[in-house]
Amino acid sequence: MTIDERLDRLTERHEALTQSVELLLRTTEANSSQIARNAELIAKNATHIAALVRVAESHDNRISGLEGQQ
């Protein structure tokens, strides 16, 4: 194998590696964006769940109070 052939082969490998890294970077950026969005949704859901817990506790207290009056 001549030096030119080796350089061509090395260049091809370098280009393939560059493309792989670019794809990995795009995928990582997309994943980071989705993770941030998921974190927002989790926080929002946690707020809603806490509100539902308060409603359930309020109803439970009301039912217990009504049962205690009988």
N, C-alpha and C. Protein backbone atom coordinates (compact mmCIF):
# COMPACT_ATOMS: atom_id res chain seq x y z
N MET A 1 0.86 -1.17 0.00
CA MET A 1 0.00 0.00 0.00
C MET A 1 0.90 1.24 0.00
N THR A 2 0.61 2.15 -0.92
CA THR A 2 1.44 3.35 -1.03
C THR A 2 1.03 4.38 0.04
N ILE A 3 1.84 5.38 0.17
CA ILE A 3 1.57 6.45 1.14
C ILE A 3 0.28 7.17 0.74
N ASP A 4 0.07 7.40 -0.55
CA ASP A 4 -1.14 8.08 -0.99
C ASP A 4 -2.39 7.26 -0.65
N GLU A 5 -2.31 5.97 -0.83
CA GLU A 5 -3.43 5.09 -0.49
C GLU A 5 -3.70 5.12 1.02
N ARG A 6 -2.64 5.12 1.77
CA ARG A 6 -2.80 5.18 3.23
C ARG A 6 -3.42 6.51 3.66
N LEU A 7 -2.97 7.60 3.03
CA LEU A 7 -3.54 8.91 3.35
C LEU A 7 -5.01 8.98 2.96
N ASP A 8 -5.34 8.43 1.79
CA ASP A 8 -6.74 8.40 1.37
C ASP A 8 -7.59 7.61 2.37
N ARG A 9 -7.08 6.49 2.77
CA ARG A 9 -7.81 5.65 3.73
C ARG A 9 -7.98 6.37 5.08
N LEU A 10 -6.91 7.01 5.50
CA LEU A 10 -6.96 7.76 6.76
C LEU A 10 -7.96 8.92 6.65
N THR A 11 -7.98 9.58 5.51
CA THR A 11 -8.92 10.69 5.29
C THR A 11 -10.35 10.18 5.34
N GLU A 12 -10.61 9.05 4.71
CA GLU A 12 -11.96 8.46 4.74
C GLU A 12 -12.38 8.12 6.16
N ARG A 13 -11.47 7.57 6.92
CA ARG A 13 -11.79 7.22 8.31
C ARG A 13 -12.06 8.47 9.13
N HIS A 14 -11.25 9.50 8.87
CA HIS A 14 -11.43 10.76 9.58
C HIS A 14 -12.80 11.37 9.26
N GLU A 15 -13.19 11.36 8.00
CA GLU A 15 -14.49 11.88 7.60
C GLU A 15 -15.63 11.08 8.22
N ALA A 16 -15.49 9.77 8.25
CA ALA A 16 -16.51 8.91 8.86
C ALA A 16 -16.62 9.21 10.35
N LEU A 17 -15.48 9.37 11.01
CA LEU A 17 -15.48 9.69 12.44
C LEU A 17 -16.11 11.05 12.69
N THR A 18 -15.80 12.01 11.85
CA THR A 18 -16.38 13.35 11.98
C THR A 18 -17.90 13.30 11.86
N GLN A 19 -18.39 12.54 10.88
CA GLN A 19 -19.84 12.40 10.71
C GLN A 19 -20.47 11.73 11.92
N SER A 20 -19.81 10.72 12.44
CA SER A 20 -20.34 10.02 13.63
C SER A 20 -20.42 10.95 14.83
N VAL A 21 -19.41 11.76 15.01
CA VAL A 21 -19.39 12.70 16.13
C VAL A 21 -20.48 13.75 15.95
N GLU A 22 -20.67 14.23 14.72
CA GLU A 22 -21.73 15.21 14.47
C GLU A 22 -23.11 14.61 14.76
N LEU A 23 -23.34 13.38 14.35
CA LEU A 23 -24.61 12.71 14.64
C LEU A 23 -24.80 12.53 16.14
N LEU A 24 -23.75 12.14 16.82
CA LEU A 24 -23.81 11.96 18.27
C LEU A 24 -24.13 13.28 18.96
N LEU A 25 -23.52 14.36 18.48
CA LEU A 25 -23.77 15.68 19.05
C LEU A 25 -25.23 16.08 18.87
N ARG A 26 -25.77 15.89 17.67
CA ARG A 26 -27.18 16.23 17.42
C ARG A 26 -28.11 15.39 18.29
N THR A 27 -27.81 14.12 18.40
CA THR A 27 -28.63 13.23 19.22
C THR A 27 -28.58 13.66 20.68
N THR A 28 -27.40 13.99 21.15
CA THR A 28 -27.23 14.42 22.54
C THR A 28 -27.99 15.72 22.80
N GLU A 29 -27.93 16.65 21.86
CA GLU A 29 -28.67 17.91 22.01
C GLU A 29 -30.17 17.66 22.04
N ALA A 30 -30.65 16.78 21.16
CA ALA A 30 -32.08 16.45 21.14
C ALA A 30 -32.49 15.79 22.45
N ASN A 31 -31.66 14.88 22.94
CA ASN A 31 -31.96 14.21 24.21
C ASN A 31 -31.97 15.19 25.37
N SER A 32 -31.03 16.12 25.36
CA SER A 32 -30.98 17.13 26.43
C SER A 32 -32.24 17.98 26.44
N SER A 33 -32.70 18.36 25.26
CA SER A 33 -33.93 19.15 25.16
C SER A 33 -35.12 18.35 25.68
N GLN A 34 -35.18 17.09 25.31
CA GLN A 34 -36.30 16.25 25.75
C GLN A 34 -36.24 16.02 27.26
N ILE A 35 -35.06 15.86 27.80
CA ILE A 35 -34.91 15.67 29.25
C ILE A 35 -35.38 16.93 29.99
N ALA A 36 -35.03 18.09 29.46
CA ALA A 36 -35.47 19.34 30.09
C ALA A 36 -36.99 19.45 30.05
N ARG A 37 -37.58 19.10 28.92
CA ARG A 37 -39.04 19.14 28.78
C ARG A 37 -39.70 18.15 29.75
N ASN A 38 -39.13 16.95 29.84
CA ASN A 38 -39.67 15.95 30.76
C ASN A 38 -39.59 16.43 32.21
N ALA A 39 -38.51 17.11 32.56
CA ALA A 39 -38.36 17.63 33.92
C ALA A 39 -39.46 18.65 34.22
N GLU A 40 -39.77 19.51 33.22
CA GLU A 40 -40.85 20.48 33.39
C GLU A 40 -42.19 19.77 33.61
N LEU A 41 -42.44 18.75 32.80
CA LEU A 41 -43.70 18.02 32.92
C LEU A 41 -43.81 17.29 34.26
N ILE A 42 -42.70 16.74 34.72
CA ILE A 42 -42.70 16.05 36.02
C ILE A 42 -43.01 17.04 37.14
N ALA A 43 -42.39 18.21 37.08
CA ALA A 43 -42.65 19.23 38.11
C ALA A 43 -44.12 19.66 38.07
N LYS A 44 -44.67 19.84 36.87
CA LYS A 44 -46.07 20.23 36.73
C LYS A 44 -46.98 19.13 37.27
N ASN A 45 -46.68 17.89 36.95
CA ASN A 45 -47.48 16.77 37.45
C ASN A 45 -47.39 16.67 38.97
N ALA A 46 -46.23 16.90 39.52
CA ALA A 46 -46.06 16.84 40.97
C ALA A 46 -46.95 17.89 41.65
N THR A 47 -47.05 19.07 41.04
CA THR A 47 -47.91 20.12 41.57
C THR A 47 -49.37 19.69 41.53
N HIS A 48 -49.77 19.10 40.41
CA HIS A 48 -51.16 18.63 40.30
C HIS A 48 -51.44 17.50 41.29
N ILE A 49 -50.51 16.61 41.44
CA ILE A 49 -50.70 15.50 42.38
C ILE A 49 -50.83 16.03 43.81
N ALA A 50 -50.00 17.00 44.15
CA ALA A 50 -50.09 17.59 45.50
C ALA A 50 -51.46 18.23 45.72
N ALA A 51 -51.97 18.89 44.69
CA ALA A 51 -53.31 19.50 44.80
C ALA A 51 -54.37 18.42 44.98
N LEU A 52 -54.25 17.32 44.24
CA LEU A 52 -55.21 16.23 44.38
C LEU A 52 -55.14 15.59 45.76
N VAL A 53 -53.95 15.48 46.31
CA VAL A 53 -53.78 14.93 47.66
C VAL A 53 -54.50 15.82 48.67
N ARG A 54 -54.35 17.14 48.51
CA ARG A 54 -55.03 18.07 49.44
C ARG A 54 -56.55 17.91 49.34
N VAL A 55 -57.06 17.78 48.12
CA VAL A 55 -58.51 17.59 47.94
C VAL A 55 -58.96 16.28 48.59
N ALA A 56 -58.20 15.22 48.36
CA ALA A 56 -58.55 13.91 48.94
C ALA A 56 -58.51 13.97 50.46
N GLU A 57 -57.51 14.63 51.03
CA GLU A 57 -57.42 14.75 52.48
C GLU A 57 -58.60 15.57 53.02
N SER A 58 -58.95 16.62 52.30
CA SER A 58 -60.08 17.45 52.72
C SER A 58 -61.38 16.64 52.72
N HIS A 59 -61.59 15.86 51.68
CA HIS A 59 -62.78 15.02 51.60
C HIS A 59 -62.78 13.95 52.70
N ASP A 60 -61.61 13.40 52.94
CA ASP A 60 -61.50 12.38 53.98
C ASP A 60 -61.83 12.97 55.34
N ASN A 61 -61.31 14.17 55.61
CA ASN A 61 -61.60 14.85 56.88
C ASN A 61 -63.10 15.16 56.99
N ARG A 62 -63.70 15.59 55.89
CA ARG A 62 -65.14 15.91 55.90
C ARG A 62 -65.96 14.65 56.16
N ILE A 63 -65.61 13.56 55.50
CA ILE A 63 -66.33 12.29 55.70
C ILE A 63 -66.15 11.82 57.13
N SER A 64 -64.93 11.91 57.65
CA SER A 64 -64.69 11.50 59.05
C SER A 64 -65.50 12.36 60.00
N GLY A 65 -65.61 13.65 59.70
CA GLY A 65 -66.39 14.54 60.55
C GLY A 65 -67.87 14.19 60.50
N LEU A 66 -68.37 13.90 59.31
CA LEU A 66 -69.78 13.51 59.17
C LEU A 66 -70.07 12.20 59.88
N GLU A 67 -69.16 11.27 59.79
CA GLU A 67 -69.34 9.97 60.45
C GLU A 67 -69.29 10.13 61.97
N GLY A 68 -68.48 11.07 62.45
CA GLY A 68 -68.37 11.31 63.88
C GLY A 68 -69.60 11.97 64.47
N GLN A 69 -70.36 12.68 63.65
CA GLN A 69 -71.56 13.36 64.11
C GLN A 69 -72.75 12.42 64.26
N GLN A 70 -72.68 11.29 63.61
CA GLN A 70 -73.82 10.36 63.64
C GLN A 70 -73.90 9.61 64.92
